[in-house]
């Protein structure tokens, strides 16, 4: 595993990239995010009550902006405590674990303080129920196929919990089997087309496991640079003609980790990210989208941060 936990390093990287942003801009983004907090203490997506998935993105966004205040954390602590029992999909489970850990680092609040002393080990054991014969992890216990993205989530969860990753070489072998001849990675084995987001998930996992070499990085950087569209953003795969903010962020993050951001037109990418920002705060997902939410706001903040220190467009 890497020396600095993946999510700790990511949070620090984005915070650093946003460091020179105007205080008024940071406040506008933070005010938008706080406006999505519901009476139950959680944060909503585009409608409804608090949701674990969106709460995680809201907390991460406030953290990188330096705006995670006491009033917000006190309310969200109640929301998280109410959701520490029972089963959840791995995405929601990851959101819960990360939110709990983030609050503990930021405020000293330990949601699990009164729980079972072995809860971390119990969580790790539960995650192993998602392990499949090919070495990867599936979305659910009933799922027959491993998923690149859910394998990434499982490894990140284990890292957050400070639990060992069992048989890491099997995970590496599984992810290598997901590689496409064009340099990207598949989400599930039956797919025929590699995508930006599974490629980012695979590379992050391989990096955590110390399994990225120069040749792999070079092939991946070439694949991701080809995902940039005339809009300036990155698209999800070659079948989709337009860019989106999720793919733009994950692609930029992966290129940044390989010191390869100079392989895309950073000026065009910055222009694209800016075009999805609302004057009232928040980001939407793509040019076809009409509503801002906390998930895409995190991607917007992250993309802006990664582009803030680039040297400009490639020749």
Foldseek 3Di string as FASTA:
>chain_A
DDPDAPVVVLLVLLLVLCVPPDPVQLVLQLVVLVVQADPQLAGDWQDDHHALLQRLLSLSSCSSSVNPDPVSLVSNLSVLLVVPDDDDWLSSVLSSLNVQLSCCVPPVDHSCPPDDPCVLVVVLVVQCCQAAPQGAGPRDNPDHWHFLQSSLSSVSSCVSSVHDDPPLVSVVRSQVLQADPQLAGPGTDVDDWHWLVSRLSSLSSCVVVVNDDPVSLVSNLVLLQVQQAPQGAGCTTPVDRFHWLVSRLSSLVSCVVSVRNQSHALVSNLVQLVVQADPSHFGDIHPVDDDGTSNSSSSSSRNSSSSSPDPGYHD
